[in-house]
Amino acid sequence: MVRTYMAWDSEDVQLVPISWLKPHEEINVRGRDKLLDMTKRWKGYTKPLLVDSETGTILDGHHRYSIGLVLNLRRLPAICVNYLQDENVSVSLWPGSDLESITKDDVINMALSGKVYPPKTSKHELKNYLPPIHVLLDILLKESD
């Protein structure tokens, strides 16, 4: 389900194939490793990724995606939005970025190119918070339910 209004809740979370997801930004490995330790302790994901429903571009959750790769997960929890049309999701630059500007099209094009921006380039702001979840790693290791 793609929702562009109201607040998201756990029912909006889908389990998507990790192979479909496309990063557009590098991660901070130290930050990823801290989150990896917490994810192992929790035995699951507590926050979904935010993903473009058309292309699989990761908008929020690059560290969680990287953890999925490290743990050889097959699926990840995500909320999928029509990024180019959804006015509830906006993009700007982090202070200190080398770019002068960034657009939603730039983000999609970078992800589709197979290249990535440096860490902390794009800053996505959401009008709705991502819901708290708890999806067990055992479930994410499987291709499907």
N, C-alpha and C. Protein backbone atom coordinates (compact mmCIF):
# COMPACT_ATOMS: atom_id res chain seq x y z
N MET A 1 0.84 -1.17 0.00
CA MET A 1 0.00 0.00 0.00
C MET A 1 0.89 1.24 0.00
N VAL A 2 0.63 2.19 -0.87
CA VAL A 2 1.34 3.46 -0.89
C VAL A 2 0.39 4.51 -0.34
N ARG A 3 0.81 5.17 0.71
CA ARG A 3 -0.06 6.16 1.34
C ARG A 3 0.64 7.51 1.29
N THR A 4 -0.05 8.54 0.87
CA THR A 4 0.54 9.87 0.81
C THR A 4 -0.19 10.85 1.72
N TYR A 5 -0.89 10.35 2.71
CA TYR A 5 -1.63 11.22 3.62
C TYR A 5 -1.65 10.56 5.00
N MET A 6 -2.06 11.34 5.98
CA MET A 6 -2.18 10.87 7.36
C MET A 6 -0.86 10.30 7.88
N ALA A 7 -0.88 9.81 9.09
CA ALA A 7 0.33 9.25 9.70
C ALA A 7 0.49 7.79 9.30
N TRP A 8 1.74 7.37 9.16
CA TRP A 8 2.01 5.97 8.88
C TRP A 8 1.88 5.17 10.15
N ASP A 9 1.51 3.90 10.01
CA ASP A 9 1.53 3.01 11.15
C ASP A 9 2.12 1.67 10.71
N SER A 10 2.19 0.73 11.63
CA SER A 10 2.87 -0.53 11.34
C SER A 10 2.20 -1.30 10.19
N GLU A 11 0.93 -1.04 9.92
CA GLU A 11 0.24 -1.73 8.82
C GLU A 11 0.75 -1.25 7.45
N ASP A 12 1.40 -0.10 7.41
CA ASP A 12 1.95 0.43 6.15
C ASP A 12 3.30 -0.18 5.82
N VAL A 13 3.87 -0.94 6.74
CA VAL A 13 5.20 -1.52 6.55
C VAL A 13 5.09 -2.79 5.71
N GLN A 14 5.92 -2.86 4.67
CA GLN A 14 5.99 -4.05 3.81
C GLN A 14 7.37 -4.67 3.97
N LEU A 15 7.47 -5.97 3.73
CA LEU A 15 8.77 -6.63 3.69
C LEU A 15 9.16 -6.72 2.22
N VAL A 16 10.20 -5.97 1.85
CA VAL A 16 10.62 -5.90 0.45
C VAL A 16 11.93 -6.64 0.26
N PRO A 17 12.14 -7.21 -0.93
CA PRO A 17 13.41 -7.90 -1.20
C PRO A 17 14.59 -6.94 -1.10
N ILE A 18 15.60 -7.33 -0.39
CA ILE A 18 16.78 -6.47 -0.24
C ILE A 18 17.45 -6.23 -1.61
N SER A 19 17.32 -7.19 -2.50
CA SER A 19 17.94 -7.07 -3.83
C SER A 19 17.28 -5.96 -4.67
N TRP A 20 16.06 -5.54 -4.33
CA TRP A 20 15.34 -4.50 -5.05
C TRP A 20 15.80 -3.10 -4.63
N LEU A 21 16.36 -2.99 -3.45
CA LEU A 21 16.71 -1.69 -2.87
C LEU A 21 17.97 -1.11 -3.51
N LYS A 22 17.97 0.22 -3.65
CA LYS A 22 19.10 0.92 -4.28
C LYS A 22 19.53 2.10 -3.40
N PRO A 23 20.74 2.05 -2.87
CA PRO A 23 21.22 3.18 -2.09
C PRO A 23 21.61 4.35 -3.00
N HIS A 24 21.57 5.55 -2.45
CA HIS A 24 22.04 6.72 -3.19
C HIS A 24 23.12 7.47 -2.41
N GLU A 25 23.47 6.94 -1.22
CA GLU A 25 24.40 7.65 -0.35
C GLU A 25 25.25 6.65 0.42
N GLU A 26 26.53 6.97 0.62
CA GLU A 26 27.41 6.13 1.42
C GLU A 26 26.98 6.21 2.89
N ILE A 27 27.51 5.29 3.68
CA ILE A 27 27.22 5.28 5.12
C ILE A 27 28.48 5.56 5.91
N ASN A 28 28.29 5.85 7.18
CA ASN A 28 29.37 5.93 8.15
C ASN A 28 29.49 4.55 8.77
N VAL A 29 30.58 3.85 8.51
CA VAL A 29 30.73 2.45 8.95
C VAL A 29 30.67 2.34 10.47
N ARG A 30 31.25 3.28 11.17
CA ARG A 30 31.22 3.22 12.64
C ARG A 30 29.78 3.32 13.16
N GLY A 31 29.01 4.21 12.56
CA GLY A 31 27.60 4.33 12.93
C GLY A 31 26.83 3.06 12.61
N ARG A 32 27.13 2.47 11.47
CA ARG A 32 26.48 1.22 11.08
C ARG A 32 26.80 0.11 12.07
N ASP A 33 28.06 0.02 12.49
CA ASP A 33 28.45 -1.04 13.40
C ASP A 33 27.77 -0.92 14.77
N LYS A 34 27.57 0.31 15.24
CA LYS A 34 26.83 0.51 16.50
C LYS A 34 25.39 0.03 16.34
N LEU A 35 24.77 0.41 15.22
CA LEU A 35 23.39 0.00 14.96
C LEU A 35 23.31 -1.51 14.74
N LEU A 36 24.33 -2.10 14.14
CA LEU A 36 24.38 -3.55 13.95
C LEU A 36 24.35 -4.27 15.29
N ASP A 37 25.15 -3.80 16.24
CA ASP A 37 25.16 -4.40 17.58
C ASP A 37 23.78 -4.31 18.23
N MET A 38 23.12 -3.16 18.11
CA MET A 38 21.78 -3.00 18.70
C MET A 38 20.78 -3.90 17.99
N THR A 39 20.88 -3.99 16.66
CA THR A 39 19.95 -4.83 15.90
C THR A 39 20.08 -6.29 16.32
N LYS A 40 21.30 -6.74 16.54
CA LYS A 40 21.52 -8.12 17.00
C LYS A 40 20.95 -8.32 18.40
N ARG A 41 21.14 -7.33 19.27
CA ARG A 41 20.59 -7.43 20.63
C ARG A 41 19.07 -7.49 20.62
N TRP A 42 18.46 -6.66 19.77
CA TRP A 42 17.00 -6.62 19.67
C TRP A 42 16.46 -7.80 18.88
N LYS A 43 17.35 -8.48 18.17
CA LYS A 43 16.98 -9.61 17.31
C LYS A 43 15.99 -9.20 16.22
N GLY A 44 16.08 -7.93 15.80
CA GLY A 44 15.17 -7.47 14.76
C GLY A 44 15.33 -6.00 14.46
N TYR A 45 14.53 -5.55 13.52
CA TYR A 45 14.48 -4.15 13.11
C TYR A 45 13.38 -3.44 13.89
N THR A 46 13.69 -2.23 14.36
CA THR A 46 12.72 -1.46 15.12
C THR A 46 12.23 -0.21 14.38
N LYS A 47 12.76 -0.01 13.18
CA LYS A 47 12.35 1.13 12.35
C LYS A 47 12.44 0.71 10.89
N PRO A 48 11.39 0.99 10.10
CA PRO A 48 11.44 0.62 8.68
C PRO A 48 12.28 1.60 7.88
N LEU A 49 12.68 1.17 6.70
CA LEU A 49 13.31 2.06 5.73
C LEU A 49 12.21 2.85 5.04
N LEU A 50 12.54 3.98 4.47
CA LEU A 50 11.64 4.73 3.61
C LEU A 50 12.18 4.59 2.20
N VAL A 51 11.33 4.12 1.27
CA VAL A 51 11.78 3.71 -0.05
C VAL A 51 10.84 4.25 -1.12
N ASP A 52 11.40 4.65 -2.25
CA ASP A 52 10.59 5.03 -3.41
C ASP A 52 9.93 3.78 -3.99
N SER A 53 8.62 3.81 -4.11
CA SER A 53 7.87 2.63 -4.58
C SER A 53 8.11 2.31 -6.05
N GLU A 54 8.55 3.28 -6.83
CA GLU A 54 8.75 3.06 -8.26
C GLU A 54 10.11 2.44 -8.58
N THR A 55 11.16 2.87 -7.85
CA THR A 55 12.52 2.48 -8.23
C THR A 55 13.26 1.65 -7.17
N GLY A 56 12.75 1.63 -5.94
CA GLY A 56 13.47 0.94 -4.86
C GLY A 56 14.57 1.79 -4.26
N THR A 57 14.61 3.08 -4.60
CA THR A 57 15.62 3.98 -4.05
C THR A 57 15.39 4.16 -2.55
N ILE A 58 16.45 3.97 -1.78
CA ILE A 58 16.38 4.16 -0.33
C ILE A 58 16.44 5.66 -0.06
N LEU A 59 15.44 6.18 0.64
CA LEU A 59 15.40 7.59 1.01
C LEU A 59 15.89 7.78 2.43
N ASP A 60 15.50 6.90 3.31
CA ASP A 60 15.93 6.92 4.70
C ASP A 60 16.17 5.47 5.12
N GLY A 61 17.37 5.19 5.64
CA GLY A 61 17.64 3.84 6.11
C GLY A 61 18.86 3.18 5.49
N HIS A 62 19.81 3.96 5.01
CA HIS A 62 21.00 3.38 4.40
C HIS A 62 21.79 2.51 5.37
N HIS A 63 21.86 2.91 6.65
CA HIS A 63 22.57 2.09 7.63
C HIS A 63 21.83 0.77 7.88
N ARG A 64 20.50 0.85 7.93
CA ARG A 64 19.70 -0.37 8.13
C ARG A 64 19.83 -1.30 6.92
N TYR A 65 19.92 -0.73 5.73
CA TYR A 65 20.16 -1.52 4.52
C TYR A 65 21.52 -2.22 4.60
N SER A 66 22.54 -1.48 4.98
CA SER A 66 23.89 -2.05 5.10
C SER A 66 23.93 -3.19 6.11
N ILE A 67 23.20 -3.04 7.20
CA ILE A 67 23.10 -4.11 8.20
C ILE A 67 22.46 -5.34 7.58
N GLY A 68 21.42 -5.14 6.77
CA GLY A 68 20.78 -6.26 6.09
C GLY A 68 21.75 -7.01 5.21
N LEU A 69 22.64 -6.29 4.53
CA LEU A 69 23.64 -6.94 3.70
C LEU A 69 24.63 -7.73 4.56
N VAL A 70 25.09 -7.13 5.65
CA VAL A 70 26.04 -7.80 6.54
C VAL A 70 25.44 -9.10 7.11
N LEU A 71 24.15 -9.05 7.45
CA LEU A 71 23.49 -10.21 8.05
C LEU A 71 22.90 -11.17 7.02
N ASN A 72 23.11 -10.89 5.74
CA ASN A 72 22.59 -11.72 4.65
C ASN A 72 21.07 -11.87 4.70
N LEU A 73 20.39 -10.78 5.04
CA LEU A 73 18.92 -10.81 5.09
C LEU A 73 18.37 -10.81 3.67
N ARG A 74 17.24 -11.43 3.48
CA ARG A 74 16.59 -11.50 2.16
C ARG A 74 15.61 -10.35 1.96
N ARG A 75 15.01 -9.88 3.08
CA ARG A 75 13.99 -8.82 3.00
C ARG A 75 14.26 -7.80 4.11
N LEU A 76 13.73 -6.61 3.90
CA LEU A 76 13.80 -5.56 4.92
C LEU A 76 12.44 -4.89 5.06
N PRO A 77 12.11 -4.43 6.26
CA PRO A 77 10.85 -3.71 6.45
C PRO A 77 10.96 -2.30 5.87
N ALA A 78 9.96 -1.91 5.10
CA ALA A 78 9.99 -0.60 4.44
C ALA A 78 8.60 -0.01 4.31
N ILE A 79 8.57 1.30 4.31
CA ILE A 79 7.38 2.04 3.91
C ILE A 79 7.71 2.58 2.52
N CYS A 80 6.86 2.24 1.56
CA CYS A 80 7.08 2.63 0.17
C CYS A 80 6.19 3.82 -0.19
N VAL A 81 6.79 4.85 -0.76
CA VAL A 81 6.06 6.05 -1.15
C VAL A 81 6.38 6.39 -2.59
N ASN A 82 5.47 7.10 -3.23
CA ASN A 82 5.73 7.63 -4.56
C ASN A 82 6.52 8.93 -4.35
N TYR A 83 7.82 8.79 -4.26
CA TYR A 83 8.72 9.86 -3.84
C TYR A 83 8.58 11.14 -4.65
N LEU A 84 8.54 11.01 -5.97
CA LEU A 84 8.49 12.20 -6.81
C LEU A 84 7.17 12.95 -6.67
N GLN A 85 6.11 12.26 -6.28
CA GLN A 85 4.79 12.89 -6.14
C GLN A 85 4.41 13.23 -4.70
N ASP A 86 5.03 12.56 -3.74
CA ASP A 86 4.62 12.69 -2.33
C ASP A 86 5.15 13.98 -1.72
N GLU A 87 4.25 14.89 -1.40
CA GLU A 87 4.65 16.16 -0.79
C GLU A 87 4.96 16.02 0.70
N ASN A 88 4.74 14.85 1.28
CA ASN A 88 5.07 14.61 2.69
C ASN A 88 6.55 14.31 2.88
N VAL A 89 7.29 14.12 1.79
CA VAL A 89 8.71 13.83 1.85
C VAL A 89 9.44 14.90 1.05
N SER A 90 10.38 15.59 1.70
CA SER A 90 11.17 16.61 1.00
C SER A 90 12.65 16.30 1.17
N VAL A 91 13.47 16.87 0.30
CA VAL A 91 14.91 16.64 0.35
C VAL A 91 15.64 17.99 0.33
N SER A 92 16.69 18.05 1.13
CA SER A 92 17.58 19.21 1.15
C SER A 92 19.00 18.69 1.39
N LEU A 93 19.94 19.60 1.47
CA LEU A 93 21.34 19.21 1.70
C LEU A 93 21.69 19.36 3.18
N TRP A 94 22.53 18.45 3.66
CA TRP A 94 23.10 18.61 4.99
C TRP A 94 24.10 19.76 4.95
N PRO A 95 24.24 20.52 6.04
CA PRO A 95 25.28 21.54 6.08
C PRO A 95 26.65 20.89 5.84
N GLY A 96 27.48 21.56 5.07
CA GLY A 96 28.81 21.02 4.80
C GLY A 96 28.88 20.14 3.57
N SER A 97 27.75 19.91 2.91
CA SER A 97 27.76 19.11 1.68
C SER A 97 28.52 19.87 0.59
N ASP A 98 29.15 19.14 -0.30
CA ASP A 98 29.89 19.75 -1.41
C ASP A 98 28.97 20.23 -2.54
N LEU A 99 27.71 19.81 -2.51
CA LEU A 99 26.78 20.20 -3.57
C LEU A 99 26.16 21.56 -3.28
N GLU A 100 25.71 22.22 -4.32
CA GLU A 100 25.02 23.50 -4.15
C GLU A 100 23.52 23.31 -3.99
N SER A 101 23.00 22.22 -4.55
CA SER A 101 21.57 21.94 -4.45
C SER A 101 21.35 20.45 -4.71
N ILE A 102 20.15 20.00 -4.37
CA ILE A 102 19.77 18.61 -4.64
C ILE A 102 18.26 18.56 -4.82
N THR A 103 17.82 17.70 -5.74
CA THR A 103 16.39 17.52 -5.98
C THR A 103 16.04 16.05 -5.82
N LYS A 104 14.76 15.78 -5.79
CA LYS A 104 14.30 14.38 -5.75
C LYS A 104 14.79 13.63 -6.98
N ASP A 105 14.75 14.28 -8.14
CA ASP A 105 15.24 13.64 -9.37
C ASP A 105 16.72 13.30 -9.25
N ASP A 106 17.51 14.18 -8.62
CA ASP A 106 18.94 13.91 -8.42
C ASP A 106 19.13 12.64 -7.59
N VAL A 107 18.34 12.50 -6.54
CA VAL A 107 18.44 11.33 -5.66
C VAL A 107 18.13 10.05 -6.43
N ILE A 108 17.03 10.06 -7.17
CA ILE A 108 16.64 8.88 -7.96
C ILE A 108 17.71 8.56 -9.00
N ASN A 109 18.17 9.57 -9.72
CA ASN A 109 19.17 9.34 -10.77
C ASN A 109 20.47 8.78 -10.20
N MET A 110 20.88 9.25 -9.03
CA MET A 110 22.10 8.72 -8.41
C MET A 110 21.91 7.25 -8.07
N ALA A 111 20.78 6.91 -7.47
CA ALA A 111 20.53 5.51 -7.10
C ALA A 111 20.50 4.61 -8.34
N LEU A 112 19.87 5.07 -9.39
CA LEU A 112 19.77 4.27 -10.61
C LEU A 112 21.10 4.15 -11.34
N SER A 113 22.01 5.09 -11.08
CA SER A 113 23.31 5.06 -11.74
C SER A 113 24.24 4.01 -11.14
N GLY A 114 23.90 3.53 -9.94
CA GLY A 114 24.77 2.59 -9.25
C GLY A 114 25.89 3.28 -8.48
N LYS A 115 25.94 4.60 -8.54
CA LYS A 115 26.92 5.37 -7.77
C LYS A 115 26.23 5.91 -6.52
N VAL A 116 27.01 6.50 -5.62
CA VAL A 116 26.43 7.06 -4.40
C VAL A 116 27.09 8.40 -4.04
N TYR A 117 26.30 9.23 -3.38
CA TYR A 117 26.83 10.47 -2.82
C TYR A 117 27.65 10.14 -1.57
N PRO A 118 28.48 11.07 -1.12
CA PRO A 118 29.17 10.88 0.17
C PRO A 118 28.15 10.83 1.32
N PRO A 119 28.55 10.32 2.48
CA PRO A 119 27.63 10.32 3.63
C PRO A 119 27.14 11.73 3.95
N LYS A 120 25.96 11.82 4.47
CA LYS A 120 25.36 13.09 4.91
C LYS A 120 25.33 14.12 3.79
N THR A 121 24.85 13.69 2.61
CA THR A 121 24.63 14.63 1.51
C THR A 121 23.16 15.03 1.49
N SER A 122 22.27 14.05 1.28
CA SER A 122 20.84 14.35 1.21
C SER A 122 20.21 14.23 2.59
N LYS A 123 19.34 15.17 2.88
CA LYS A 123 18.62 15.17 4.15
C LYS A 123 17.13 15.12 3.83
N HIS A 124 16.52 13.97 4.11
CA HIS A 124 15.09 13.83 3.84
C HIS A 124 14.31 14.19 5.10
N GLU A 125 13.31 15.02 4.90
CA GLU A 125 12.43 15.39 6.00
C GLU A 125 11.06 14.84 5.71
N LEU A 126 10.45 14.29 6.76
CA LEU A 126 9.16 13.64 6.64
C LEU A 126 8.13 14.40 7.45
N LYS A 127 6.95 14.58 6.88
CA LYS A 127 5.87 15.19 7.65
C LYS A 127 5.30 14.17 8.64
N ASN A 128 5.44 12.89 8.31
CA ASN A 128 4.97 11.82 9.18
C ASN A 128 6.16 11.04 9.68
N TYR A 129 6.14 10.67 10.95
CA TYR A 129 7.23 9.87 11.51
C TYR A 129 7.11 8.43 11.06
N LEU A 130 8.26 7.76 10.91
CA LEU A 130 8.24 6.33 10.63
C LEU A 130 7.79 5.61 11.89
N PRO A 131 6.90 4.66 11.78
CA PRO A 131 6.34 4.02 12.98
C PRO A 131 7.35 3.08 13.64
N PRO A 132 7.25 2.93 14.96
CA PRO A 132 8.08 1.91 15.62
C PRO A 132 7.56 0.52 15.22
N ILE A 133 8.48 -0.40 15.01
CA ILE A 133 8.13 -1.76 14.63
C ILE A 133 9.04 -2.72 15.38
N HIS A 134 8.78 -3.99 15.27
CA HIS A 134 9.74 -5.01 15.69
C HIS A 134 9.55 -6.21 14.78
N VAL A 135 10.41 -6.28 13.76
CA VAL A 135 10.38 -7.40 12.81
C VAL A 135 11.61 -8.24 13.09
N LEU A 136 11.39 -9.49 13.44
CA LEU A 136 12.48 -10.38 13.84
C LEU A 136 13.41 -10.71 12.68
N LEU A 137 14.69 -10.82 12.99
CA LEU A 137 15.69 -11.17 11.98
C LEU A 137 15.37 -12.51 11.33
N ASP A 138 14.83 -13.46 12.10
CA ASP A 138 14.48 -14.77 11.55
C ASP A 138 13.50 -14.64 10.38
N ILE A 139 12.57 -13.71 10.48
CA ILE A 139 11.60 -13.49 9.40
C ILE A 139 12.29 -12.87 8.19
N LEU A 140 13.22 -11.95 8.44
CA LEU A 140 13.90 -11.25 7.36
C LEU A 140 14.91 -12.11 6.62
N LEU A 141 15.31 -13.21 7.23
CA LEU A 141 16.24 -14.14 6.58
C LEU A 141 15.55 -14.96 5.50
N LYS A 142 14.21 -15.06 5.56
CA LYS A 142 13.44 -15.88 4.62
C LYS A 142 13.08 -15.08 3.37
N GLU A 143 12.98 -15.76 2.24
CA GLU A 143 12.56 -15.14 0.99
C GLU A 143 11.13 -14.61 1.08
N SER A 144 10.25 -15.37 1.75
CA SER A 144 8.85 -14.96 1.94
C SER A 144 8.30 -15.72 3.13
N ASP A 145 7.07 -15.34 3.52
CA ASP A 145 6.45 -15.97 4.71
C ASP A 145 6.03 -17.39 4.44
